[in-house]
Amino acid sequence: MTIDKSLKVRRGLVRVRSVMTRAERLANLKQADRWKEGDSVLGLPKVRVAKVAMKKKKVKKEEAAEGAAAAAAPADAAKKAAAPAKPKK
């Protein structure tokens, strides 16, 4: 029997989790001073899960120009190598 595509795990947990474990909730509540040692672990207040969005780094204009020049240099060398040599007179 095969496993359905929707049930397969690819590259671990890709999506943002919407639920925290009790230990994670306690750590967040301690950090916010909303829970102290000795308090009940039952009936904990809700804790918002922060979504982390990775932003792409902006490339500086100088670095972009250097990168473009470096990428063009091998292409120019390949064109010269591919061109047939002209006979000298």
PDB file of N, CA and C in Angstrom:
ATOM      1  N   MET A   1       0.841  -1.168   0.000  1.00  0.00           N
ATOM      2  CA  MET A   1       0.000   0.000   0.000  1.00  0.00           C
ATOM      3  C   MET A   1       0.900   1.251   0.000  1.00  0.00           C
ATOM      4  N   THR A   2       0.545   2.278  -0.746  1.00  0.00           N
ATOM      5  CA  THR A   2       1.352   3.485  -0.823  1.00  0.00           C
ATOM      6  C   THR A   2       0.792   4.568   0.100  1.00  0.00           C
ATOM      7  N   ILE A   3       1.658   5.537   0.406  1.00  0.00           N
ATOM      8  CA  ILE A   3       1.253   6.657   1.254  1.00  0.00           C
ATOM      9  C   ILE A   3       0.805   7.809   0.359  1.00  0.00           C
ATOM     10  N   ASP A   4      -0.307   8.429   0.740  1.00  0.00           N
ATOM     11  CA  ASP A   4      -0.816   9.552  -0.020  1.00  0.00           C
ATOM     12  C   ASP A   4       0.174  10.717   0.017  1.00  0.00           C
ATOM     13  N   LYS A   5       0.227  11.527  -1.052  1.00  0.00           N
ATOM     14  CA  LYS A   5       1.146  12.664  -1.141  1.00  0.00           C
ATOM     15  C   LYS A   5       0.976  13.634   0.016  1.00  0.00           C
ATOM     16  N   SER A   6      -0.257  13.850   0.433  1.00  0.00           N
ATOM     17  CA  SER A   6      -0.520  14.830   1.485  1.00  0.00           C
ATOM     18  C   SER A   6       0.013  14.380   2.838  1.00  0.00           C
ATOM     19  N   LEU A   7       0.256  13.083   2.995  1.00  0.00           N
ATOM     20  CA  LEU A   7       0.735  12.577   4.281  1.00  0.00           C
ATOM     21  C   LEU A   7       2.250  12.472   4.352  1.00  0.00           C
ATOM     22  N   LYS A   8       2.929  12.600   3.232  1.00  0.00           N
ATOM     23  CA  LYS A   8       4.375  12.495   3.227  1.00  0.00           C
ATOM     24  C   LYS A   8       4.996  13.755   3.806  1.00  0.00           C
ATOM     25  N   VAL A   9       6.082  13.585   4.514  1.00  0.00           N
ATOM     26  CA  VAL A   9       6.793  14.716   5.098  1.00  0.00           C
ATOM     27  C   VAL A   9       7.988  15.016   4.213  1.00  0.00           C
ATOM     28  N   ARG A  10       8.018  16.228   3.671  1.00  0.00           N
ATOM     29  CA  ARG A  10       9.131  16.633   2.819  1.00  0.00           C
ATOM     30  C   ARG A  10       9.924  17.704   3.530  1.00  0.00           C
ATOM     31  N   ARG A  11      11.213  17.482   3.649  1.00  0.00           N
ATOM     32  CA  ARG A  11      12.133  18.447   4.252  1.00  0.00           C
ATOM     33  C   ARG A  11      11.681  18.876   5.638  1.00  0.00           C
ATOM     34  N   GLY A  12      11.173  17.966   6.425  1.00  0.00           N
ATOM     35  CA  GLY A  12      10.779  18.302   7.786  1.00  0.00           C
ATOM     36  C   GLY A  12       9.529  19.149   7.828  1.00  0.00           C
ATOM     37  N   LEU A  13       9.393  19.903   8.890  1.00  0.00           N
ATOM     38  CA  LEU A  13       8.230  20.755   9.070  1.00  0.00           C
ATOM     39  C   LEU A  13       8.490  22.084   8.377  1.00  0.00           C
ATOM     40  N   VAL A  14       7.806  22.322   7.271  1.00  0.00           N
ATOM     41  CA  VAL A  14       8.061  23.503   6.464  1.00  0.00           C
ATOM     42  C   VAL A  14       7.199  24.670   6.928  1.00  0.00           C
ATOM     43  N   ARG A  15       5.969  24.418   7.254  1.00  0.00           N
ATOM     44  CA  ARG A  15       5.047  25.474   7.643  1.00  0.00           C
ATOM     45  C   ARG A  15       5.317  25.954   9.065  1.00  0.00           C
ATOM     46  N   VAL A  16       4.778  27.122   9.390  1.00  0.00           N
ATOM     47  CA  VAL A  16       4.898  27.670  10.731  1.00  0.00           C
ATOM     48  C   VAL A  16       3.914  26.934  11.637  1.00  0.00           C
ATOM     49  N   ARG A  17       4.402  26.511  12.798  1.00  0.00           N
ATOM     50  CA  ARG A  17       3.521  25.819  13.732  1.00  0.00           C
ATOM     51  C   ARG A  17       2.584  26.823  14.377  1.00  0.00           C
ATOM     52  N   SER A  18       1.339  26.449  14.547  1.00  0.00           N
ATOM     53  CA  SER A  18       0.363  27.348  15.159  1.00  0.00           C
ATOM     54  C   SER A  18       0.132  26.999  16.627  1.00  0.00           C
ATOM     55  N   VAL A  19       0.757  25.933  17.122  1.00  0.00           N
ATOM     56  CA  VAL A  19       0.553  25.492  18.496  1.00  0.00           C
ATOM     57  C   VAL A  19       1.908  25.294  19.147  1.00  0.00           C
ATOM     58  N   MET A  20       2.040  25.726  20.395  1.00  0.00           N
ATOM     59  CA  MET A  20       3.284  25.540  21.142  1.00  0.00           C
ATOM     60  C   MET A  20       3.113  24.407  22.149  1.00  0.00           C
ATOM     61  N   THR A  21       4.216  23.783  22.508  1.00  0.00           N
ATOM     62  CA  THR A  21       4.167  22.788  23.572  1.00  0.00           C
ATOM     63  C   THR A  21       4.038  23.516  24.907  1.00  0.00           C
ATOM     64  N   ARG A  22       3.696  22.804  25.948  1.00  0.00           N
ATOM     65  CA  ARG A  22       3.534  23.434  27.258  1.00  0.00           C
ATOM     66  C   ARG A  22       4.851  24.062  27.719  1.00  0.00           C
ATOM     67  N   ALA A  23       5.964  23.389  27.462  1.00  0.00           N
ATOM     68  CA  ALA A  23       7.266  23.923  27.870  1.00  0.00           C
ATOM     69  C   ALA A  23       7.575  25.230  27.147  1.00  0.00           C
ATOM     70  N   GLU A  24       7.249  25.294  25.850  1.00  0.00           N
ATOM     71  CA  GLU A  24       7.473  26.526  25.088  1.00  0.00           C
ATOM     72  C   GLU A  24       6.584  27.657  25.604  1.00  0.00           C
ATOM     73  N   ARG A  25       5.342  27.323  25.920  1.00  0.00           N
ATOM     74  CA  ARG A  25       4.429  28.344  26.455  1.00  0.00           C
ATOM     75  C   ARG A  25       4.918  28.859  27.791  1.00  0.00           C
ATOM     76  N   LEU A  26       5.387  27.944  28.660  1.00  0.00           N
ATOM     77  CA  LEU A  26       5.900  28.363  29.963  1.00  0.00           C
ATOM     78  C   LEU A  26       7.123  29.261  29.803  1.00  0.00           C
ATOM     79  N   ALA A  27       8.002  28.922  28.868  1.00  0.00           N
ATOM     80  CA  ALA A  27       9.198  29.738  28.652  1.00  0.00           C
ATOM     81  C   ALA A  27       8.807  31.145  28.196  1.00  0.00           C
ATOM     82  N   ASN A  28       7.835  31.247  27.292  1.00  0.00           N
ATOM     83  CA  ASN A  28       7.387  32.560  26.824  1.00  0.00           C
ATOM     84  C   ASN A  28       6.703  33.344  27.937  1.00  0.00           C
ATOM     85  N   LEU A  29       5.895  32.657  28.754  1.00  0.00           N
ATOM     86  CA  LEU A  29       5.212  33.333  29.855  1.00  0.00           C
ATOM     87  C   LEU A  29       6.209  33.804  30.915  1.00  0.00           C
ATOM     88  N   LYS A  30       7.242  32.996  31.195  1.00  0.00           N
ATOM     89  CA  LYS A  30       8.276  33.406  32.156  1.00  0.00           C
ATOM     90  C   LYS A  30       8.996  34.644  31.652  1.00  0.00           C
ATOM     91  N   GLN A  31       9.295  34.658  30.365  1.00  0.00           N
ATOM     92  CA  GLN A  31      10.010  35.779  29.768  1.00  0.00           C
ATOM     93  C   GLN A  31       9.183  37.064  29.870  1.00  0.00           C
ATOM     94  N   ALA A  32       7.868  36.947  29.758  1.00  0.00           N
ATOM     95  CA  ALA A  32       6.979  38.098  29.832  1.00  0.00           C
ATOM     96  C   ALA A  32       6.513  38.367  31.264  1.00  0.00           C
ATOM     97  N   ASP A  33       7.039  37.628  32.239  1.00  0.00           N
ATOM     98  CA  ASP A  33       6.671  37.755  33.659  1.00  0.00           C
ATOM     99  C   ASP A  33       5.176  37.559  33.885  1.00  0.00           C
ATOM    100  N   ARG A  34       4.585  36.636  33.146  1.00  0.00           N
ATOM    101  CA  ARG A  34       3.169  36.316  33.316  1.00  0.00           C
ATOM    102  C   ARG A  34       2.973  34.994  34.050  1.00  0.00           C
ATOM    103  N   TRP A  35       4.069  34.282  34.342  1.00  0.00           N
ATOM    104  CA  TRP A  35       4.008  33.007  35.062  1.00  0.00           C
ATOM    105  C   TRP A  35       5.213  32.909  35.973  1.00  0.00           C
ATOM    106  N   LYS A  36       5.002  32.422  37.194  1.00  0.00           N
ATOM    107  CA  LYS A  36       6.094  32.287  38.160  1.00  0.00           C
ATOM    108  C   LYS A  36       6.157  30.845  38.630  1.00  0.00           C
ATOM    109  N   GLU A  37       7.318  30.439  39.151  1.00  0.00           N
ATOM    110  CA  GLU A  37       7.477  29.082  39.691  1.00  0.00           C
ATOM    111  C   GLU A  37       6.435  28.860  40.777  1.00  0.00           C
ATOM    112  N   GLY A  38       5.816  27.709  40.753  1.00  0.00           N
ATOM    113  CA  GLY A  38       4.811  27.376  41.752  1.00  0.00           C
ATOM    114  C   GLY A  38       3.395  27.605  41.260  1.00  0.00           C
ATOM    115  N   ASP A  39       3.206  28.394  40.212  1.00  0.00           N
ATOM    116  CA  ASP A  39       1.877  28.590  39.645  1.00  0.00           C
ATOM    117  C   ASP A  39       1.433  27.300  38.971  1.00  0.00           C
ATOM    118  N   SER A  40       0.148  27.137  38.806  1.00  0.00           N
ATOM    119  CA  SER A  40      -0.394  25.943  38.175  1.00  0.00           C
ATOM    120  C   SER A  40      -0.064  25.933  36.684  1.00  0.00           C
ATOM    121  N   VAL A  41       0.267  24.744  36.173  1.00  0.00           N
ATOM    122  CA  VAL A  41       0.536  24.611  34.740  1.00  0.00           C
ATOM    123  C   VAL A  41      -0.745  24.318  33.975  1.00  0.00           C
ATOM    124  N   LEU A  42      -1.843  24.157  34.707  1.00  0.00           N
ATOM    125  CA  LEU A  42      -3.131  23.938  34.064  1.00  0.00           C
ATOM    126  C   LEU A  42      -3.822  25.279  33.868  1.00  0.00           C
ATOM    127  N   GLY A  43      -4.483  25.443  32.754  1.00  0.00           N
ATOM    128  CA  GLY A  43      -5.205  26.679  32.478  1.00  0.00           C
ATOM    129  C   GLY A  43      -4.272  27.836  32.172  1.00  0.00           C
ATOM    130  N   LEU A  44      -3.218  27.566  31.439  1.00  0.00           N
ATOM    131  CA  LEU A  44      -2.268  28.626  31.078  1.00  0.00           C
ATOM    132  C   LEU A  44      -2.925  29.621  30.127  1.00  0.00           C
ATOM    133  N   PRO A  45      -2.551  30.882  30.212  1.00  0.00           N
ATOM    134  CA  PRO A  45      -3.096  31.845  29.244  1.00  0.00           C
ATOM    135  C   PRO A  45      -2.565  31.584  27.849  1.00  0.00           C
ATOM    136  N   LYS A  46      -3.291  32.078  26.885  1.00  0.00           N
ATOM    137  CA  LYS A  46      -2.871  31.889  25.498  1.00  0.00           C
ATOM    138  C   LYS A  46      -1.608  32.692  25.224  1.00  0.00           C
ATOM    139  N   VAL A  47      -0.774  32.136  24.349  1.00  0.00           N
ATOM    140  CA  VAL A  47       0.461  32.802  23.957  1.00  0.00           C
ATOM    141  C   VAL A  47       0.471  32.875  22.437  1.00  0.00           C
ATOM    142  N   ARG A  48       0.677  34.063  21.923  1.00  0.00           N
ATOM    143  CA  ARG A  48       0.700  34.253  20.478  1.00  0.00           C
ATOM    144  C   ARG A  48       1.980  33.655  19.901  1.00  0.00           C
ATOM    145  N   VAL A  49       1.837  32.933  18.802  1.00  0.00           N
ATOM    146  CA  VAL A  49       2.980  32.342  18.113  1.00  0.00           C
ATOM    147  C   VAL A  49       3.479  33.361  17.104  1.00  0.00           C
ATOM    148  N   ALA A  50       4.734  33.746  17.243  1.00  0.00           N
ATOM    149  CA  ALA A  50       5.309  34.743  16.340  1.00  0.00           C
ATOM    150  C   ALA A  50       5.748  34.063  15.055  1.00  0.00           C
ATOM    151  N   LYS A  51       5.263  34.570  13.938  1.00  0.00           N
ATOM    152  CA  LYS A  51       5.674  34.034  12.649  1.00  0.00           C
ATOM    153  C   LYS A  51       6.965  34.727  12.243  1.00  0.00           C
ATOM    154  N   VAL A  52       7.952  33.942  11.884  1.00  0.00           N
ATOM    155  CA  VAL A  52       9.234  34.496  11.485  1.00  0.00           C
ATOM    156  C   VAL A  52       9.302  34.495   9.972  1.00  0.00           C
ATOM    157  N   ALA A  53       9.468  35.667   9.397  1.00  0.00           N
ATOM    158  CA  ALA A  53       9.574  35.780   7.945  1.00  0.00           C
ATOM    159  C   ALA A  53      10.999  36.198   7.616  1.00  0.00           C
ATOM    160  N   MET A  54      11.654  35.406   6.798  1.00  0.00           N
ATOM    161  CA  MET A  54      13.026  35.714   6.401  1.00  0.00           C
ATOM    162  C   MET A  54      12.975  36.678   5.222  1.00  0.00           C
ATOM    163  N   LYS A  55      13.657  37.802   5.372  1.00  0.00           N
ATOM    164  CA  LYS A  55      13.717  38.767   4.277  1.00  0.00           C
ATOM    165  C   LYS A  55      14.962  38.516   3.462  1.00  0.00           C
ATOM    166  N   LYS A  56      14.854  38.771   2.164  1.00  0.00           N
ATOM    167  CA  LYS A  56      16.017  38.618   1.303  1.00  0.00           C
ATOM    168  C   LYS A  56      16.947  39.793   1.522  1.00  0.00           C
ATOM    169  N   LYS A  57      18.231  39.495   1.534  1.00  0.00           N
ATOM    170  CA  LYS A  57      19.210  40.551   1.719  1.00  0.00           C
ATOM    171  C   LYS A  57      19.307  41.384   0.451  1.00  0.00           C
ATOM    172  N   LYS A  58      19.367  42.686   0.627  1.00  0.00           N
ATOM    173  CA  LYS A  58      19.505  43.571  -0.515  1.00  0.00           C
ATOM    174  C   LYS A  58      20.973  43.616  -0.911  1.00  0.00           C
ATOM    175  N   VAL A  59      21.225  43.504  -2.189  1.00  0.00           N
ATOM    176  CA  VAL A  59      22.592  43.530  -2.700  1.00  0.00           C
ATOM    177  C   VAL A  59      22.945  44.972  -3.016  1.00  0.00           C
ATOM    178  N   LYS A  60      24.093  45.389  -2.548  1.00  0.00           N
ATOM    179  CA  LYS A  60      24.535  46.753  -2.840  1.00  0.00           C
ATOM    180  C   LYS A  60      24.838  46.874  -4.322  1.00  0.00           C
ATOM    181  N   LYS A  61      24.743  48.078  -4.852  1.00  0.00           N
ATOM    182  CA  LYS A  61      24.947  48.296  -6.280  1.00  0.00           C
ATOM    183  C   LYS A  61      26.356  47.909  -6.708  1.00  0.00           C
ATOM    184  N   GLU A  62      27.359  48.219  -5.872  1.00  0.00           N
ATOM    185  CA  GLU A  62      28.744  47.891  -6.219  1.00  0.00           C
ATOM    186  C   GLU A  62      28.943  46.382  -6.310  1.00  0.00           C
ATOM    187  N   GLU A  63      28.403  45.675  -5.322  1.00  0.00           N
ATOM    188  CA  GLU A  63      28.536  44.218  -5.319  1.00  0.00           C
ATOM    189  C   GLU A  63      27.806  43.609  -6.504  1.00  0.00           C
ATOM    190  N   ALA A  64      26.653  44.166  -6.858  1.00  0.00           N
ATOM    191  CA  ALA A  64      25.891  43.651  -7.990  1.00  0.00           C
ATOM    192  C   ALA A  64      26.665  43.863  -9.286  1.00  0.00           C
ATOM    193  N   ALA A  65      27.314  45.026  -9.421  1.00  0.00           N
ATOM    194  CA  ALA A  65      28.087  45.310 -10.630  1.00  0.00           C
ATOM    195  C   ALA A  65      29.291  44.375 -10.725  1.00  0.00           C
ATOM    196  N   GLU A  66      29.942  44.124  -9.578  1.00  0.00           N
ATOM    197  CA  GLU A  66      31.090  43.206  -9.567  1.00  0.00           C
ATOM    198  C   GLU A  66      30.643  41.795  -9.912  1.00  0.00           C
ATOM    199  N   GLY A  67      29.514  41.385  -9.370  1.00  0.00           N
ATOM    200  CA  GLY A  67      28.995  40.048  -9.647  1.00  0.00           C
ATOM    201  C   GLY A  67      28.623  39.879 -11.109  1.00  0.00           C
ATOM    202  N   ALA A  68      28.041  40.913 -11.698  1.00  0.00           N
ATOM    203  CA  ALA A  68      27.661  40.851 -13.109  1.00  0.00           C
ATOM    204  C   ALA A  68      28.906  40.801 -13.993  1.00  0.00           C
ATOM    205  N   ALA A  69      29.940  41.571 -13.629  1.00  0.00           N
ATOM    206  CA  ALA A  69      31.174  41.576 -14.414  1.00  0.00           C
ATOM    207  C   ALA A  69      31.879  40.225 -14.312  1.00  0.00           C
ATOM    208  N   ALA A  70      31.863  39.645 -13.119  1.00  0.00           N
ATOM    209  CA  ALA A  70      32.502  38.338 -12.922  1.00  0.00           C
ATOM    210  C   ALA A  70      31.751  37.254 -13.695  1.00  0.00           C
ATOM    211  N   ALA A  71      30.433  37.364 -13.770  1.00  0.00           N
ATOM    212  CA  ALA A  71      29.640  36.366 -14.489  1.00  0.00           C
ATOM    213  C   ALA A  71      29.828  36.524 -15.994  1.00  0.00           C
ATOM    214  N   ALA A  72      30.035  37.753 -16.457  1.00  0.00           N
ATOM    215  CA  ALA A  72      30.180  37.997 -17.891  1.00  0.00           C
ATOM    216  C   ALA A  72      31.552  37.560 -18.390  1.00  0.00           C
ATOM    217  N   ALA A  73      32.572  37.640 -17.552  1.00  0.00           N
ATOM    218  CA  ALA A  73      33.937  37.299 -17.975  1.00  0.00           C
ATOM    219  C   ALA A  73      34.045  35.847 -18.453  1.00  0.00           C
ATOM    220  N   PRO A  74      33.542  34.863 -17.725  1.00  0.00           N
ATOM    221  CA  PRO A  74      33.620  33.483 -18.226  1.00  0.00           C
ATOM    222  C   PRO A  74      32.819  33.287 -19.509  1.00  0.00           C
ATOM    223  N   ALA A  75      31.721  34.003 -19.662  1.00  0.00           N
ATOM    224  CA  ALA A  75      30.911  33.868 -20.878  1.00  0.00           C
ATOM    225  C   ALA A  75      31.682  34.407 -22.079  1.00  0.00           C
ATOM    226  N   ASP A  76      32.402  35.530 -21.889  1.00  0.00           N
ATOM    227  CA  ASP A  76      33.202  36.088 -22.980  1.00  0.00           C
ATOM    228  C   ASP A  76      34.318  35.135 -23.377  1.00  0.00           C
ATOM    229  N   ALA A  77      34.960  34.521 -22.385  1.00  0.00           N
ATOM    230  CA  ALA A  77      36.047  33.579 -22.663  1.00  0.00           C
ATOM    231  C   ALA A  77      35.525  32.359 -23.410  1.00  0.00           C
ATOM    232  N   ALA A  78      34.341  31.920 -23.085  1.00  0.00           N
ATOM    233  CA  ALA A  78      33.752  30.759 -23.753  1.00  0.00           C
ATOM    234  C   ALA A  78      33.421  31.087 -25.211  1.00  0.00           C
ATOM    235  N   LYS A  79      32.963  32.306 -25.472  1.00  0.00           N
ATOM    236  CA  LYS A  79      32.646  32.706 -26.849  1.00  0.00           C
ATOM    237  C   LYS A  79      33.920  32.738 -27.694  1.00  0.00           C
ATOM    238  N   LYS A  80      34.995  33.261 -27.119  1.00  0.00           N
ATOM    239  CA  LYS A  80      36.254  33.340 -27.853  1.00  0.00           C
ATOM    240  C   LYS A  80      36.799  31.952 -28.155  1.00  0.00           C
ATOM    241  N   ALA A  81      36.652  31.045 -27.203  1.00  0.00           N
ATOM    242  CA  ALA A  81      37.155  29.685 -27.398  1.00  0.00           C
ATOM    243  C   ALA A  81      36.327  28.948 -28.461  1.00  0.00           C
ATOM    244  N   ALA A  82      35.037  29.239 -28.536  1.00  0.00           N
ATOM    245  CA  ALA A  82      34.157  28.562 -29.471  1.00  0.00           C
ATOM    246  C   ALA A  82      34.321  29.090 -30.891  1.00  0.00           C
ATOM    247  N   ALA A  83      34.764  30.334 -31.042  1.00  0.00           N
ATOM    248  CA  ALA A  83      34.916  30.925 -32.366  1.00  0.00           C
ATOM    249  C   ALA A  83      36.098  30.295 -33.082  1.00  0.00           C
ATOM    250  N   PRO A  84      35.965  29.964 -34.370  1.00  0.00           N
ATOM    251  CA  PRO A  84      37.083  29.376 -35.107  1.00  0.00           C
ATOM    252  C   PRO A  84      38.196  30.413 -35.302  1.00  0.00           C
ATOM    253  N   ALA A  85      39.416  29.945 -35.246  1.00  0.00           N
ATOM    254  CA  ALA A  85      40.558  30.841 -35.394  1.00  0.00           C
ATOM    255  C   ALA A  85      40.688  31.258 -36.857  1.00  0.00           C
ATOM    256  N   LYS A  86      40.946  32.541 -37.079  1.00  0.00           N
ATOM    257  CA  LYS A  86      41.106  33.044 -38.438  1.00  0.00           C
ATOM    258  C   LYS A  86      42.554  32.807 -38.898  1.00  0.00           C
ATOM    259  N   PRO A  87      42.729  32.350 -40.117  1.00  0.00           N
ATOM    260  CA  PRO A  87      44.096  32.131 -40.595  1.00  0.00           C
ATOM    261  C   PRO A  87      44.814  33.469 -40.816  1.00  0.00           C
ATOM    262  N   LYS A  88      46.108  33.488 -40.488  1.00  0.00           N
ATOM    263  CA  LYS A  88      46.911  34.713 -40.687  1.00  0.00           C
ATOM    264  C   LYS A  88      47.359  34.818 -42.131  1.00  0.00           C
ATOM    265  N   LYS A  89      47.491  36.007 -42.639  1.00  0.00           N
ATOM    266  CA  LYS A  89      47.911  36.207 -44.031  1.00  0.00           C
ATOM    267  C   LYS A  89      49.379  36.442 -44.125  1.00  0.00           C
TER     268      LYS A  89
END
